[in-house]
């Protein structure tokens, strides 16, 4: 399925980037002792991923709502 929506591509890119950052942080911290700042840094990476997923979901719901409103207005 072709996706010509620039906003959706950008949001998807942000989700992928946040996932890679979180994974990379976890990999880099794997063989080191943890401290409180590491836990906060990992939590921030998880929040970034959560925010990116939320924004993408909200945009998808918005697009669906607009399309439904247009179809309902035609009918």
C-alpha atoms as a PDB file:
ATOM      1  CA  UNK A   1       0.000   0.000   0.000  1.00  0.00           C
ATOM      2  CA  UNK A   2       1.444   3.313  -1.067  1.00  0.00           C
ATOM      3  CA  UNK A   3       1.559   6.045   1.546  1.00  0.00           C
ATOM      4  CA  UNK A   4       1.724   9.534   0.041  1.00  0.00           C
ATOM      5  CA  UNK A   5       0.855  11.284   3.298  1.00  0.00           C
ATOM      6  CA  UNK A   6       3.919  13.293   4.355  1.00  0.00           C
ATOM      7  CA  UNK A   7       2.680  13.790   7.915  1.00  0.00           C
ATOM      8  CA  UNK A   8       2.074  10.064   8.394  1.00  0.00           C
ATOM      9  CA  UNK A   9       5.517   9.258   6.974  1.00  0.00           C
ATOM     10  CA  UNK A  10       7.090  11.754   9.383  1.00  0.00           C
ATOM     11  CA  UNK A  11       5.211  10.322  12.371  1.00  0.00           C
ATOM     12  CA  UNK A  12       6.152   6.766  11.394  1.00  0.00           C
ATOM     13  CA  UNK A  13       9.760   7.854  11.042  1.00  0.00           C
ATOM     14  CA  UNK A  14       9.654   9.375  14.533  1.00  0.00           C
ATOM     15  CA  UNK A  15       8.289   6.114  15.996  1.00  0.00           C
ATOM     16  CA  UNK A  16      11.021   4.076  14.314  1.00  0.00           C
ATOM     17  CA  UNK A  17      13.689   6.551  15.446  1.00  0.00           C
ATOM     18  CA  UNK A  18      12.416   6.453  19.050  1.00  0.00           C
ATOM     19  CA  UNK A  19      12.375   2.634  18.999  1.00  0.00           C
ATOM     20  CA  UNK A  20      15.945   2.510  17.716  1.00  0.00           C
ATOM     21  CA  UNK A  21      17.105   5.049  20.327  1.00  0.00           C
ATOM     22  CA  UNK A  22      15.523   3.068  23.152  1.00  0.00           C
ATOM     23  CA  UNK A  23      16.978  -0.207  21.879  1.00  0.00           C
ATOM     24  CA  UNK A  24      20.425   1.360  21.405  1.00  0.00           C
ATOM     25  CA  UNK A  25      20.368   2.809  24.918  1.00  0.00           C
ATOM     26  CA  UNK A  26      19.441  -0.589  26.363  1.00  0.00           C
ATOM     27  CA  UNK A  27      22.190  -2.299  24.354  1.00  0.00           C
ATOM     28  CA  UNK A  28      24.821   0.244  25.425  1.00  0.00           C
ATOM     29  CA  UNK A  29      23.846  -0.108  29.084  1.00  0.00           C
ATOM     30  CA  UNK A  30      23.668  -3.889  29.071  1.00  0.00           C
ATOM     31  CA  UNK A  31      27.126  -4.692  30.484  1.00  0.00           C
ATOM     32  CA  UNK A  32      27.410  -1.741  32.845  1.00  0.00           C
ATOM     33  CA  UNK A  33      26.169  -1.332  36.403  1.00  0.00           C
ATOM     34  CA  UNK A  34      22.938   0.660  36.621  1.00  0.00           C
ATOM     35  CA  UNK A  35      22.364   3.762  38.659  1.00  0.00           C
ATOM     36  CA  UNK A  36      19.436   6.125  39.131  1.00  0.00           C
ATOM     37  CA  UNK A  37      20.399   8.387  36.233  1.00  0.00           C
ATOM     38  CA  UNK A  38      20.441   5.362  33.895  1.00  0.00           C
ATOM     39  CA  UNK A  39      16.928   4.456  34.971  1.00  0.00           C
ATOM     40  CA  UNK A  40      15.724   8.012  34.357  1.00  0.00           C
ATOM     41  CA  UNK A  41      17.423   8.110  30.964  1.00  0.00           C
ATOM     42  CA  UNK A  42      15.786   4.830  29.950  1.00  0.00           C
ATOM     43  CA  UNK A  43      12.433   6.078  31.202  1.00  0.00           C
ATOM     44  CA  UNK A  44      12.862   9.195  29.052  1.00  0.00           C
ATOM     45  CA  UNK A  45      13.576   7.022  26.011  1.00  0.00           C
ATOM     46  CA  UNK A  46      10.423   5.026  26.736  1.00  0.00           C
ATOM     47  CA  UNK A  47       8.405   8.235  27.096  1.00  0.00           C
ATOM     48  CA  UNK A  48       9.722   9.469  23.752  1.00  0.00           C
ATOM     49  CA  UNK A  49       8.548   6.227  22.146  1.00  0.00           C
ATOM     50  CA  UNK A  50       5.181   6.459  23.877  1.00  0.00           C
ATOM     51  CA  UNK A  51       4.703  10.062  22.720  1.00  0.00           C
ATOM     52  CA  UNK A  52       5.608   9.181  19.140  1.00  0.00           C
ATOM     53  CA  UNK A  53       3.117   6.293  19.148  1.00  0.00           C
ATOM     54  CA  UNK A  54       0.412   8.496  20.655  1.00  0.00           C
ATOM     55  CA  UNK A  55       0.898  11.219  18.043  1.00  0.00           C
ATOM     56  CA  UNK A  56       0.747   8.685  15.226  1.00  0.00           C
ATOM     57  CA  UNK A  57      -2.416   7.156  16.671  1.00  0.00           C
ATOM     58  CA  UNK A  58      -4.085  10.548  17.081  1.00  0.00           C
ATOM     59  CA  UNK A  59      -3.315  11.466  13.493  1.00  0.00           C
ATOM     60  CA  UNK A  60      -4.733   8.156  12.250  1.00  0.00           C
ATOM     61  CA  UNK A  61      -7.932   8.760  14.231  1.00  0.00           C
ATOM     62  CA  UNK A  62      -8.124  12.295  12.843  1.00  0.00           C
ATOM     63  CA  UNK A  63      -7.804  11.052   9.252  1.00  0.00           C
ATOM     64  CA  UNK A  64     -10.456   8.404   9.841  1.00  0.00           C
ATOM     65  CA  UNK A  65     -12.829  10.980  11.351  1.00  0.00           C
ATOM     66  CA  UNK A  66     -12.371  13.408   8.465  1.00  0.00           C
ATOM     67  CA  UNK A  67     -12.937  10.685   5.872  1.00  0.00           C
ATOM     68  CA  UNK A  68     -16.035   9.441   7.681  1.00  0.00           C
ATOM     69  CA  UNK A  69     -17.416  12.981   7.908  1.00  0.00           C
ATOM     70  CA  UNK A  70     -16.896  13.497   4.173  1.00  0.00           C
ATOM     71  CA  UNK A  71     -18.594  10.198   3.316  1.00  0.00           C
ATOM     72  CA  UNK A  72     -21.483  10.979   5.671  1.00  0.00           C
ATOM     73  CA  UNK A  73     -21.874  14.449   4.121  1.00  0.00           C
ATOM     74  CA  UNK A  74     -22.031  12.929   0.630  1.00  0.00           C
ATOM     75  CA  UNK A  75     -24.665  10.408   1.683  1.00  0.00           C
END
